[in-house]
Amino acid sequence: MLGKGVIRKYLSEFVYGGIDGSITTFAVVAGAIGAALSPAIVLILGFANLIADGFSMATSNYLAVKSEKELHFRHKDYKLYVKTGKHPLKSAIATFTSFAIVGFIPLLPFVLATFIDYFEANKVLYSIVFTALAFVLVGSVKGEIVKKHPARSAIETLIIGGLAALLAYLVGYFLKGLLL
């Protein structure tokens, strides 16, 4: 089990990875829905986004944390920085893990629909609801840890994520004519 110190230390990775994972994956879902693409295409694009974008974020985070560490190398506070700073690989793993787990949530109804008939007719609605709940969960966890009102933080995250999803849907909707 992770201690509170580790959670606080890698909070930014959890929040950034989780929010970006759910936003970008749902953006793919929303854009595909707006373009009236098949559920199979939604899954292909969604999983491609989960793996490629998650890896890209983790790599970027790794290089950023490593660069920060290297920046301090010649300073007298280097040993203190290494002791209290983030580890590049752990930071990358936290980012990718959060991205992949929270980012999978918008795809979950589409995956379930392939096995459970109940989800087939309402997979888009469930994707919207599950994604909104993911935004609320990540936002409230962030709020709780940083001592900000969890509901306010959850609503802020939900609004930002919802705007990104709306933009993706509109792009898909307006560009669907290119598929003809």
Foldseek 3Di string as FASTA:
>chain_A
DDDLLVCVQLLVLLLVLLLVLLLVLLLLVLLCVLLVHDLVVNVVVSVVCLPVVLQVVLVVQLVVQVVVLVVCVPPPCNVVCVVNHDHSNVNSVSNSVSSNVNNCQLVVLSVVVVPDVVSVVPSNVSSLVSSLVSLLVSQLVSCVSVVHHSRVSSVVSSVVSVVSNVVSNVVSNVCSVVVD
